[in-house]
């Protein structure tokens, strides 16, 4: 199932946060499998959390510079609907793939001409970080693309409506700006972000 719009809560590490996100209207929940992230969890734990969620919520796995075979194995174990790749190659055409690209502070963005991902996820380019940066980028950069676009980076209830109006994306993604600590969501901030995003997409 593909939602009309994606409202994704990323960096989920526990069932309480995952359930709260979906109950508030999130259409996708992201699990980070990059060892360099403070939100990293194991595929088995992602599977346990994901199995308790309604089928309407997409289970998305975040991978950084991972080999295709490793992505495929983790996706199978975690029972993912989508793999979100920050570098690396997609495992095969049978797995839904979102490809992450980083946008410079001046809006510079270069997309691989051969890109075949279902969607392009755009995040702010911050040295040494691959997602969860809390930084925004010039959202108008998204309007250069013909592919489906998901906007990430520094989004919360205060700016998600503006981001949607400016970028006209398929979806939005929030992580660090709606946390009480890395990997633990502030449910009030999370609900507010989801409500604002859904209202703007309506």
N, C-alpha and C. Protein backbone atom coordinates (compact mmCIF):
# COMPACT_ATOMS: atom_id res chain seq x y z
N UNK A 1 0.84 -1.20 0.00
CA UNK A 1 0.00 0.00 0.00
C UNK A 1 0.88 1.25 0.00
N UNK A 2 0.55 2.22 -0.85
CA UNK A 2 1.30 3.46 -0.92
C UNK A 2 0.40 4.62 -0.52
N UNK A 3 0.70 5.30 0.60
CA UNK A 3 -0.14 6.43 1.04
C UNK A 3 -0.12 7.57 0.03
N UNK A 4 -1.16 8.38 0.04
CA UNK A 4 -1.20 9.55 -0.84
C UNK A 4 -0.06 10.49 -0.51
N UNK A 5 0.26 10.61 0.77
CA UNK A 5 1.39 11.42 1.22
C UNK A 5 2.10 10.70 2.35
N UNK A 6 3.41 10.91 2.43
CA UNK A 6 4.22 10.32 3.48
C UNK A 6 4.42 11.32 4.60
N UNK A 7 4.07 10.92 5.81
CA UNK A 7 4.44 11.67 7.02
C UNK A 7 5.21 10.66 7.87
N UNK A 8 6.53 10.81 7.85
CA UNK A 8 7.41 9.79 8.42
C UNK A 8 8.05 10.29 9.71
N UNK A 9 8.03 9.41 10.72
CA UNK A 9 8.75 9.65 11.96
C UNK A 9 9.95 8.71 11.94
N UNK A 10 11.14 9.29 11.93
CA UNK A 10 12.34 8.48 11.76
C UNK A 10 13.13 8.37 13.06
N UNK A 11 14.03 7.39 13.08
CA UNK A 11 14.86 7.17 14.26
C UNK A 11 14.09 6.58 15.42
N UNK A 12 13.06 5.78 15.12
CA UNK A 12 12.26 5.16 16.17
C UNK A 12 13.03 3.98 16.77
N UNK A 13 13.05 3.92 18.09
CA UNK A 13 13.80 2.86 18.78
C UNK A 13 12.96 2.03 19.74
N UNK A 14 11.68 2.38 19.89
CA UNK A 14 10.86 1.67 20.87
C UNK A 14 9.40 1.64 20.43
N UNK A 15 8.67 0.67 20.96
CA UNK A 15 7.28 0.47 20.55
C UNK A 15 6.38 1.62 20.98
N UNK A 16 6.61 2.19 22.15
CA UNK A 16 5.77 3.28 22.65
C UNK A 16 5.77 4.45 21.67
N UNK A 17 6.96 4.84 21.19
CA UNK A 17 7.05 5.94 20.24
C UNK A 17 6.42 5.58 18.90
N UNK A 18 6.65 4.35 18.47
CA UNK A 18 6.10 3.91 17.18
C UNK A 18 4.57 3.93 17.20
N UNK A 19 3.99 3.41 18.26
CA UNK A 19 2.53 3.38 18.37
C UNK A 19 1.96 4.78 18.45
N UNK A 20 2.61 5.65 19.23
CA UNK A 20 2.13 7.03 19.36
C UNK A 20 2.18 7.75 18.02
N UNK A 21 3.22 7.48 17.23
CA UNK A 21 3.35 8.12 15.92
C UNK A 21 2.22 7.69 15.00
N UNK A 22 1.97 6.40 14.92
CA UNK A 22 0.93 5.89 14.02
C UNK A 22 -0.45 6.32 14.49
N UNK A 23 -0.68 6.29 15.79
CA UNK A 23 -1.98 6.73 16.31
C UNK A 23 -2.25 8.20 16.01
N UNK A 24 -1.16 8.99 15.91
CA UNK A 24 -1.31 10.42 15.60
C UNK A 24 -1.49 10.67 14.11
N UNK A 25 -1.28 9.63 13.29
CA UNK A 25 -1.50 9.78 11.86
C UNK A 25 -0.29 9.60 10.98
N UNK A 26 0.86 9.27 11.55
CA UNK A 26 2.05 9.03 10.72
C UNK A 26 1.80 7.88 9.77
N UNK A 27 2.27 8.02 8.54
CA UNK A 27 2.07 6.96 7.54
C UNK A 27 3.31 6.09 7.36
N UNK A 28 4.42 6.48 8.00
CA UNK A 28 5.65 5.70 7.90
C UNK A 28 6.47 5.86 9.18
N UNK A 29 7.13 4.78 9.56
CA UNK A 29 8.00 4.77 10.74
C UNK A 29 9.38 4.31 10.29
N UNK A 30 10.42 5.06 10.66
CA UNK A 30 11.76 4.75 10.21
C UNK A 30 12.62 4.14 11.30
N UNK A 31 13.34 3.08 10.93
CA UNK A 31 14.28 2.41 11.82
C UNK A 31 15.69 2.59 11.26
N UNK A 32 16.61 3.04 12.10
CA UNK A 32 17.97 3.34 11.64
C UNK A 32 18.90 2.17 11.97
N UNK A 33 19.53 1.62 10.92
CA UNK A 33 20.43 0.49 11.10
C UNK A 33 21.91 0.88 10.93
N UNK A 34 22.17 2.18 10.90
CA UNK A 34 23.56 2.64 10.77
C UNK A 34 24.24 2.65 12.14
N UNK A 35 25.31 1.89 12.33
CA UNK A 35 25.98 1.83 13.63
C UNK A 35 26.47 3.19 14.13
N UNK A 36 26.68 4.14 13.22
CA UNK A 36 27.15 5.46 13.63
C UNK A 36 26.08 6.36 14.19
N UNK A 37 24.84 5.90 14.21
CA UNK A 37 23.73 6.72 14.70
C UNK A 37 23.40 6.40 16.15
N UNK A 38 23.09 7.42 16.97
CA UNK A 38 22.65 7.16 18.34
C UNK A 38 21.26 6.51 18.38
N UNK A 39 20.61 6.43 17.24
CA UNK A 39 19.27 5.83 17.14
C UNK A 39 19.31 4.44 16.51
N UNK A 40 20.50 3.89 16.38
CA UNK A 40 20.65 2.59 15.72
C UNK A 40 20.00 1.47 16.54
N UNK A 41 19.24 0.62 15.85
CA UNK A 41 18.69 -0.56 16.49
C UNK A 41 18.96 -1.76 15.59
N UNK A 42 18.75 -2.95 16.11
CA UNK A 42 18.98 -4.18 15.37
C UNK A 42 17.73 -4.57 14.59
N UNK A 43 17.91 -5.25 13.46
CA UNK A 43 16.75 -5.67 12.66
C UNK A 43 15.72 -6.47 13.43
N UNK A 44 16.17 -7.33 14.35
CA UNK A 44 15.22 -8.14 15.12
C UNK A 44 14.32 -7.27 15.98
N UNK A 45 14.88 -6.20 16.55
CA UNK A 45 14.09 -5.30 17.37
C UNK A 45 13.13 -4.48 16.51
N UNK A 46 13.59 -4.08 15.32
CA UNK A 46 12.71 -3.37 14.39
C UNK A 46 11.55 -4.26 13.98
N UNK A 47 11.81 -5.55 13.78
CA UNK A 47 10.74 -6.49 13.42
C UNK A 47 9.73 -6.60 14.54
N UNK A 48 10.21 -6.64 15.79
CA UNK A 48 9.31 -6.76 16.94
C UNK A 48 8.42 -5.53 17.03
N UNK A 49 9.00 -4.35 16.87
CA UNK A 49 8.22 -3.12 16.93
C UNK A 49 7.25 -3.04 15.75
N UNK A 50 7.77 -3.32 14.56
CA UNK A 50 6.97 -3.22 13.35
C UNK A 50 5.79 -4.17 13.32
N UNK A 51 5.96 -5.34 13.93
CA UNK A 51 4.88 -6.34 13.91
C UNK A 51 3.66 -5.90 14.71
N UNK A 52 3.86 -4.96 15.63
CA UNK A 52 2.76 -4.48 16.46
C UNK A 52 2.01 -3.32 15.81
N UNK A 53 2.54 -2.80 14.70
CA UNK A 53 1.92 -1.64 14.05
C UNK A 53 0.88 -2.08 13.04
N UNK A 54 -0.10 -1.23 12.77
CA UNK A 54 -1.08 -1.57 11.74
C UNK A 54 -0.42 -1.66 10.37
N UNK A 55 -0.98 -2.46 9.49
CA UNK A 55 -0.40 -2.69 8.16
C UNK A 55 -0.38 -1.42 7.32
N UNK A 56 -1.18 -0.44 7.69
CA UNK A 56 -1.24 0.80 6.91
C UNK A 56 0.02 1.65 7.05
N UNK A 57 0.82 1.40 8.10
CA UNK A 57 2.04 2.17 8.32
C UNK A 57 3.22 1.49 7.63
N UNK A 58 3.95 2.26 6.81
CA UNK A 58 5.13 1.72 6.16
C UNK A 58 6.28 1.59 7.15
N UNK A 59 6.98 0.47 7.09
CA UNK A 59 8.17 0.24 7.92
C UNK A 59 9.38 0.48 7.03
N UNK A 60 10.14 1.52 7.37
CA UNK A 60 11.25 1.97 6.52
C UNK A 60 12.57 1.74 7.26
N UNK A 61 13.52 1.13 6.58
CA UNK A 61 14.83 0.91 7.16
C UNK A 61 15.86 1.84 6.57
N UNK A 62 16.64 2.50 7.42
CA UNK A 62 17.66 3.46 6.98
C UNK A 62 19.03 2.78 6.99
N UNK A 63 19.70 2.84 5.84
CA UNK A 63 21.01 2.21 5.67
C UNK A 63 22.00 3.23 5.13
N UNK A 64 23.24 3.18 5.63
CA UNK A 64 24.29 4.10 5.19
C UNK A 64 25.47 3.30 4.63
N UNK A 65 25.75 3.52 3.34
CA UNK A 65 26.90 2.89 2.68
C UNK A 65 26.96 1.39 2.94
N UNK A 66 25.82 0.73 2.89
CA UNK A 66 25.74 -0.70 3.20
C UNK A 66 25.72 -1.51 1.90
N UNK A 67 26.32 -2.68 1.94
CA UNK A 67 26.33 -3.56 0.78
C UNK A 67 24.93 -4.07 0.49
N UNK A 68 24.65 -4.32 -0.80
CA UNK A 68 23.32 -4.73 -1.22
C UNK A 68 22.85 -5.99 -0.51
N UNK A 69 23.72 -6.97 -0.35
CA UNK A 69 23.34 -8.22 0.30
C UNK A 69 22.98 -8.00 1.77
N UNK A 70 23.72 -7.10 2.43
CA UNK A 70 23.44 -6.81 3.83
C UNK A 70 22.11 -6.08 3.98
N UNK A 71 21.82 -5.19 3.04
CA UNK A 71 20.52 -4.47 3.06
C UNK A 71 19.39 -5.47 2.87
N UNK A 72 19.55 -6.36 1.92
CA UNK A 72 18.51 -7.34 1.64
C UNK A 72 18.27 -8.24 2.84
N UNK A 73 19.34 -8.68 3.49
CA UNK A 73 19.22 -9.55 4.66
C UNK A 73 18.51 -8.83 5.81
N UNK A 74 18.93 -7.60 6.08
CA UNK A 74 18.32 -6.83 7.18
C UNK A 74 16.86 -6.50 6.87
N UNK A 75 16.57 -6.19 5.60
CA UNK A 75 15.19 -5.88 5.21
C UNK A 75 14.29 -7.07 5.43
N UNK A 76 14.81 -8.25 5.13
CA UNK A 76 14.03 -9.48 5.32
C UNK A 76 13.80 -9.74 6.81
N UNK A 77 14.86 -9.60 7.60
CA UNK A 77 14.75 -9.89 9.03
C UNK A 77 13.84 -8.87 9.73
N UNK A 78 13.96 -7.62 9.35
CA UNK A 78 13.17 -6.56 9.99
C UNK A 78 11.77 -6.43 9.42
N UNK A 79 11.49 -7.20 8.35
CA UNK A 79 10.18 -7.16 7.69
C UNK A 79 9.83 -5.75 7.21
N UNK A 80 10.78 -5.15 6.49
CA UNK A 80 10.61 -3.78 6.02
C UNK A 80 9.73 -3.72 4.78
N UNK A 81 9.06 -2.58 4.62
CA UNK A 81 8.33 -2.28 3.40
C UNK A 81 9.20 -1.51 2.41
N UNK A 82 10.11 -0.70 2.95
CA UNK A 82 10.94 0.19 2.13
C UNK A 82 12.34 0.24 2.71
N UNK A 83 13.35 0.31 1.84
CA UNK A 83 14.71 0.60 2.30
C UNK A 83 15.06 2.02 1.87
N UNK A 84 15.63 2.78 2.80
CA UNK A 84 16.05 4.16 2.53
C UNK A 84 17.57 4.17 2.53
N UNK A 85 18.15 4.42 1.38
CA UNK A 85 19.59 4.28 1.21
C UNK A 85 20.31 5.63 1.19
N UNK A 86 21.29 5.74 2.07
CA UNK A 86 22.22 6.88 2.08
C UNK A 86 23.54 6.31 1.58
N UNK A 87 23.72 6.32 0.27
CA UNK A 87 24.86 5.65 -0.33
C UNK A 87 24.55 4.17 -0.51
N UNK A 88 25.47 3.45 -1.15
CA UNK A 88 25.26 2.03 -1.38
C UNK A 88 24.32 1.77 -2.55
N UNK A 89 24.10 0.50 -2.83
CA UNK A 89 23.28 0.10 -3.96
C UNK A 89 22.03 -0.64 -3.49
N UNK A 90 20.89 -0.45 -4.18
CA UNK A 90 19.68 -1.18 -3.79
C UNK A 90 19.87 -2.67 -3.98
N UNK A 91 19.26 -3.49 -3.13
CA UNK A 91 19.46 -4.94 -3.20
C UNK A 91 18.92 -5.57 -4.47
N UNK A 92 17.73 -5.21 -4.90
CA UNK A 92 17.16 -5.69 -6.16
C UNK A 92 15.85 -4.96 -6.41
N UNK A 93 15.26 -5.18 -7.56
CA UNK A 93 14.05 -4.46 -7.94
C UNK A 93 12.84 -4.86 -7.11
N UNK A 94 12.95 -5.97 -6.37
CA UNK A 94 11.81 -6.46 -5.60
C UNK A 94 11.61 -5.66 -4.31
N UNK A 95 12.61 -4.88 -3.93
CA UNK A 95 12.55 -4.11 -2.69
C UNK A 95 12.30 -2.64 -3.01
N UNK A 96 11.26 -2.07 -2.41
CA UNK A 96 10.98 -0.65 -2.60
C UNK A 96 12.12 0.18 -2.02
N UNK A 97 12.56 1.18 -2.76
CA UNK A 97 13.75 1.93 -2.36
C UNK A 97 13.51 3.43 -2.43
N UNK A 98 13.90 4.12 -1.35
CA UNK A 98 13.98 5.57 -1.36
C UNK A 98 15.46 5.92 -1.26
N UNK A 99 15.90 6.85 -2.09
CA UNK A 99 17.32 7.22 -2.12
C UNK A 99 17.51 8.60 -1.50
N UNK A 100 18.43 8.70 -0.56
CA UNK A 100 18.69 9.97 0.12
C UNK A 100 19.79 10.75 -0.60
N UNK A 101 19.54 12.03 -0.75
CA UNK A 101 20.54 12.96 -1.29
C UNK A 101 20.64 14.14 -0.33
N UNK A 102 21.84 14.70 -0.24
CA UNK A 102 22.04 15.84 0.65
C UNK A 102 22.11 17.14 -0.16
N UNK A 103 21.45 18.15 0.39
CA UNK A 103 21.37 19.45 -0.27
C UNK A 103 22.26 20.44 0.46
N UNK A 104 23.09 21.14 -0.29
CA UNK A 104 23.99 22.14 0.30
C UNK A 104 23.21 23.34 0.80
N UNK A 105 23.86 24.13 1.65
CA UNK A 105 23.20 25.29 2.24
C UNK A 105 22.76 26.31 1.19
N UNK A 106 23.45 26.30 0.03
CA UNK A 106 23.08 27.23 -1.04
C UNK A 106 22.03 26.64 -1.99
N UNK A 107 21.55 25.43 -1.65
CA UNK A 107 20.53 24.79 -2.47
C UNK A 107 21.08 23.90 -3.57
N UNK A 108 22.40 23.78 -3.66
CA UNK A 108 22.99 22.94 -4.72
C UNK A 108 22.59 21.48 -4.51
N UNK A 109 22.14 20.86 -5.58
CA UNK A 109 21.67 19.48 -5.52
C UNK A 109 21.96 18.79 -6.85
N UNK A 110 22.64 17.65 -6.77
CA UNK A 110 22.94 16.87 -7.97
C UNK A 110 22.37 15.47 -7.79
N UNK A 111 21.48 15.08 -8.71
CA UNK A 111 20.84 13.76 -8.67
C UNK A 111 21.43 12.88 -9.76
N UNK A 112 21.71 11.64 -9.44
CA UNK A 112 22.19 10.68 -10.42
C UNK A 112 21.19 10.57 -11.58
N UNK A 113 21.66 10.76 -12.79
CA UNK A 113 20.78 10.70 -13.96
C UNK A 113 20.09 9.34 -14.10
N UNK A 114 20.73 8.30 -13.57
CA UNK A 114 20.18 6.95 -13.70
C UNK A 114 19.35 6.55 -12.48
N UNK A 115 19.00 7.51 -11.63
CA UNK A 115 18.28 7.20 -10.40
C UNK A 115 16.90 6.59 -10.70
N UNK A 116 16.64 5.43 -10.09
CA UNK A 116 15.38 4.73 -10.33
C UNK A 116 14.58 4.52 -9.05
N UNK A 117 15.00 5.14 -7.95
CA UNK A 117 14.30 4.94 -6.68
C UNK A 117 12.86 5.41 -6.76
N UNK A 118 12.01 4.81 -5.93
CA UNK A 118 10.60 5.19 -5.87
C UNK A 118 10.45 6.64 -5.44
N UNK A 119 11.34 7.11 -4.58
CA UNK A 119 11.29 8.49 -4.11
C UNK A 119 12.70 8.96 -3.77
N UNK A 120 12.88 10.27 -3.81
CA UNK A 120 14.13 10.91 -3.42
C UNK A 120 13.90 11.60 -2.08
N UNK A 121 14.70 11.25 -1.09
CA UNK A 121 14.63 11.91 0.20
C UNK A 121 15.75 12.94 0.26
N UNK A 122 15.38 14.19 0.51
CA UNK A 122 16.35 15.27 0.57
C UNK A 122 16.59 15.69 2.01
N UNK A 123 17.87 15.80 2.37
CA UNK A 123 18.25 16.20 3.72
C UNK A 123 19.36 17.23 3.62
N UNK A 124 19.60 17.95 4.70
CA UNK A 124 20.65 18.96 4.71
C UNK A 124 22.03 18.30 4.75
N UNK A 125 22.95 18.87 3.99
CA UNK A 125 24.32 18.38 3.99
C UNK A 125 25.05 18.95 5.20
N UNK A 126 25.39 18.07 6.15
CA UNK A 126 26.13 18.47 7.35
C UNK A 126 27.33 17.55 7.45
N UNK A 127 28.56 18.06 7.44
CA UNK A 127 29.75 17.22 7.48
C UNK A 127 29.73 16.22 8.64
N UNK A 128 30.00 14.96 8.33
CA UNK A 128 30.09 13.92 9.35
C UNK A 128 28.76 13.36 9.81
N UNK A 129 27.66 13.85 9.27
CA UNK A 129 26.34 13.38 9.69
C UNK A 129 25.56 12.87 8.50
N UNK A 130 24.78 11.80 8.71
CA UNK A 130 23.95 11.22 7.64
C UNK A 130 22.53 11.10 8.16
N UNK A 131 21.83 12.22 8.20
CA UNK A 131 20.48 12.24 8.72
C UNK A 131 20.43 12.61 10.19
N UNK A 132 19.24 13.00 10.66
CA UNK A 132 19.07 13.37 12.05
C UNK A 132 19.89 14.59 12.45
N UNK A 133 20.10 15.51 11.48
CA UNK A 133 20.98 16.65 11.73
C UNK A 133 20.30 17.80 12.45
N UNK A 134 18.97 17.92 12.28
CA UNK A 134 18.27 19.06 12.84
C UNK A 134 18.42 20.32 12.02
N UNK A 135 19.11 20.23 10.86
CA UNK A 135 19.33 21.39 10.00
C UNK A 135 18.39 21.35 8.80
N UNK A 136 17.96 22.52 8.36
CA UNK A 136 17.13 22.62 7.16
C UNK A 136 18.01 22.97 5.96
N UNK A 137 17.39 22.99 4.79
CA UNK A 137 18.06 23.42 3.56
C UNK A 137 17.05 24.22 2.75
N UNK A 138 17.47 24.88 1.68
CA UNK A 138 16.51 25.64 0.86
C UNK A 138 15.50 24.69 0.22
N UNK A 139 14.28 24.68 0.72
CA UNK A 139 13.28 23.70 0.28
C UNK A 139 12.93 23.82 -1.19
N UNK A 140 13.12 25.00 -1.76
CA UNK A 140 12.78 25.18 -3.17
C UNK A 140 13.62 24.28 -4.08
N UNK A 141 14.74 23.77 -3.57
CA UNK A 141 15.59 22.86 -4.36
C UNK A 141 14.80 21.63 -4.79
N UNK A 142 13.82 21.24 -3.99
CA UNK A 142 13.04 20.04 -4.30
C UNK A 142 12.22 20.20 -5.56
N UNK A 143 11.88 21.42 -5.92
CA UNK A 143 11.00 21.65 -7.05
C UNK A 143 11.71 21.48 -8.39
N UNK A 144 13.02 21.26 -8.35
CA UNK A 144 13.77 20.99 -9.58
C UNK A 144 13.57 19.55 -10.04
N UNK A 145 13.09 18.70 -9.16
CA UNK A 145 13.05 17.27 -9.43
C UNK A 145 11.71 16.84 -10.01
N UNK A 146 11.75 15.80 -10.84
CA UNK A 146 10.53 15.24 -11.40
C UNK A 146 10.07 14.02 -10.61
N UNK A 147 10.98 13.45 -9.80
CA UNK A 147 10.62 12.28 -9.00
C UNK A 147 9.80 12.69 -7.77
N UNK A 148 9.19 11.67 -7.14
CA UNK A 148 8.57 11.90 -5.84
C UNK A 148 9.66 12.35 -4.86
N UNK A 149 9.34 13.33 -4.02
CA UNK A 149 10.32 13.87 -3.09
C UNK A 149 9.79 13.81 -1.67
N UNK A 150 10.67 13.44 -0.75
CA UNK A 150 10.40 13.50 0.69
C UNK A 150 11.40 14.47 1.29
N UNK A 151 10.89 15.43 2.04
CA UNK A 151 11.74 16.45 2.67
C UNK A 151 12.08 16.04 4.09
N UNK A 152 13.37 16.06 4.42
CA UNK A 152 13.82 15.80 5.79
C UNK A 152 14.76 16.93 6.21
N UNK A 153 15.14 16.91 7.47
CA UNK A 153 16.11 17.88 7.94
C UNK A 153 15.49 19.07 8.65
N UNK A 154 15.54 19.05 9.98
CA UNK A 154 15.14 20.22 10.76
C UNK A 154 13.66 20.55 10.75
N UNK A 155 12.81 19.56 10.47
CA UNK A 155 11.38 19.82 10.43
C UNK A 155 10.70 19.56 11.77
N UNK A 156 9.79 20.44 12.12
CA UNK A 156 8.91 20.24 13.28
C UNK A 156 7.62 20.98 13.01
N UNK A 157 6.78 21.09 14.02
CA UNK A 157 5.47 21.73 13.82
C UNK A 157 5.58 23.19 13.41
N UNK A 158 6.69 23.83 13.74
CA UNK A 158 6.82 25.27 13.47
C UNK A 158 7.10 25.59 12.01
N UNK A 159 7.62 24.62 11.26
CA UNK A 159 8.02 24.96 9.89
C UNK A 159 7.56 23.97 8.82
N UNK A 160 6.90 22.88 9.21
CA UNK A 160 6.57 21.86 8.21
C UNK A 160 5.57 22.36 7.18
N UNK A 161 4.63 23.22 7.58
CA UNK A 161 3.67 23.74 6.60
C UNK A 161 4.40 24.59 5.54
N UNK A 162 5.32 25.42 5.97
CA UNK A 162 6.08 26.25 5.03
C UNK A 162 6.90 25.36 4.10
N UNK A 163 7.50 24.30 4.65
CA UNK A 163 8.30 23.39 3.84
C UNK A 163 7.44 22.73 2.75
N UNK A 164 6.25 22.30 3.12
CA UNK A 164 5.36 21.65 2.15
C UNK A 164 4.92 22.64 1.07
N UNK A 165 4.59 23.86 1.47
CA UNK A 165 4.16 24.86 0.48
C UNK A 165 5.30 25.20 -0.49
N UNK A 166 6.52 25.27 0.03
CA UNK A 166 7.65 25.68 -0.80
C UNK A 166 8.19 24.55 -1.66
N UNK A 167 8.24 23.33 -1.11
CA UNK A 167 8.84 22.20 -1.83
C UNK A 167 7.85 21.39 -2.65
N UNK A 168 6.57 21.43 -2.24
CA UNK A 168 5.54 20.62 -2.88
C UNK A 168 5.94 19.14 -2.93
N UNK A 169 6.31 18.57 -1.80
CA UNK A 169 6.81 17.20 -1.79
C UNK A 169 5.71 16.15 -1.71
N UNK A 170 6.10 14.92 -1.93
CA UNK A 170 5.22 13.77 -1.67
C UNK A 170 5.14 13.51 -0.18
N UNK A 171 6.25 13.78 0.54
CA UNK A 171 6.25 13.49 1.96
C UNK A 171 7.21 14.35 2.76
N UNK A 172 7.09 14.23 4.08
CA UNK A 172 7.98 14.92 5.01
C UNK A 172 8.44 13.92 6.07
N UNK A 173 9.58 14.22 6.66
CA UNK A 173 10.24 13.29 7.58
C UNK A 173 10.82 14.10 8.73
N UNK A 174 10.55 13.68 9.96
CA UNK A 174 11.12 14.37 11.12
C UNK A 174 11.78 13.38 12.06
N UNK A 175 12.83 13.85 12.72
CA UNK A 175 13.57 12.97 13.64
C UNK A 175 14.02 13.75 14.87
N UNK A 176 15.17 14.41 14.77
CA UNK A 176 15.78 14.99 15.97
C UNK A 176 15.01 16.16 16.57
N UNK A 177 14.28 16.91 15.75
CA UNK A 177 13.57 18.09 16.27
C UNK A 177 12.33 17.74 17.09
N UNK A 178 11.95 16.47 17.09
CA UNK A 178 10.77 16.06 17.86
C UNK A 178 11.16 15.06 18.95
N UNK A 179 12.41 15.14 19.42
CA UNK A 179 12.90 14.21 20.44
C UNK A 179 13.12 14.89 21.78
N UNK A 180 13.01 14.10 22.84
CA UNK A 180 13.40 14.55 24.17
C UNK A 180 14.87 14.22 24.41
N UNK A 181 15.36 13.17 23.74
CA UNK A 181 16.77 12.78 23.73
C UNK A 181 16.94 11.88 22.51
N UNK A 182 18.17 11.66 22.02
CA UNK A 182 18.34 10.84 20.82
C UNK A 182 17.69 9.46 20.94
N UNK A 183 16.74 9.20 20.03
CA UNK A 183 16.06 7.91 20.04
C UNK A 183 14.81 7.87 20.88
N UNK A 184 14.49 8.95 21.59
CA UNK A 184 13.27 9.01 22.42
C UNK A 184 12.45 10.21 21.96
N UNK A 185 11.24 9.94 21.49
CA UNK A 185 10.42 11.01 20.96
C UNK A 185 9.66 11.76 22.06
N UNK A 186 9.53 13.05 21.86
CA UNK A 186 8.65 13.88 22.68
C UNK A 186 7.28 13.77 22.03
N UNK A 187 6.36 13.09 22.67
CA UNK A 187 5.08 12.79 22.03
C UNK A 187 4.27 14.03 21.71
N UNK A 188 4.39 15.05 22.51
CA UNK A 188 3.68 16.29 22.22
C UNK A 188 4.20 16.94 20.95
N UNK A 189 5.53 17.05 20.83
CA UNK A 189 6.13 17.63 19.63
C UNK A 189 5.84 16.77 18.40
N UNK A 190 5.87 15.46 18.59
CA UNK A 190 5.63 14.54 17.48
C UNK A 190 4.19 14.68 16.98
N UNK A 191 3.25 14.68 17.89
CA UNK A 191 1.84 14.82 17.49
C UNK A 191 1.59 16.14 16.79
N UNK A 192 2.22 17.21 17.29
CA UNK A 192 2.03 18.52 16.68
C UNK A 192 2.59 18.55 15.26
N UNK A 193 3.76 17.95 15.07
CA UNK A 193 4.36 17.89 13.73
C UNK A 193 3.46 17.13 12.77
N UNK A 194 2.98 15.98 13.19
CA UNK A 194 2.13 15.15 12.33
C UNK A 194 0.84 15.90 11.99
N UNK A 195 0.23 16.55 12.97
CA UNK A 195 -1.02 17.27 12.74
C UNK A 195 -0.84 18.40 11.74
N UNK A 196 0.26 19.15 11.88
CA UNK A 196 0.51 20.26 10.96
C UNK A 196 0.77 19.75 9.54
N UNK A 197 1.53 18.66 9.43
CA UNK A 197 1.84 18.10 8.11
C UNK A 197 0.57 17.60 7.43
N UNK A 198 -0.23 16.85 8.15
CA UNK A 198 -1.46 16.30 7.58
C UNK A 198 -2.42 17.41 7.17
N UNK A 199 -2.48 18.47 7.97
CA UNK A 199 -3.38 19.59 7.65
C UNK A 199 -2.93 20.28 6.37
N UNK A 200 -1.64 20.43 6.18
CA UNK A 200 -1.14 21.11 4.98
C UNK A 200 -1.30 20.24 3.74
N UNK A 201 -1.17 18.93 3.90
CA UNK A 201 -1.33 18.02 2.77
C UNK A 201 -2.81 17.86 2.36
N UNK A 202 -3.70 18.13 3.32
CA UNK A 202 -5.14 17.90 3.05
C UNK A 202 -5.66 18.76 1.91
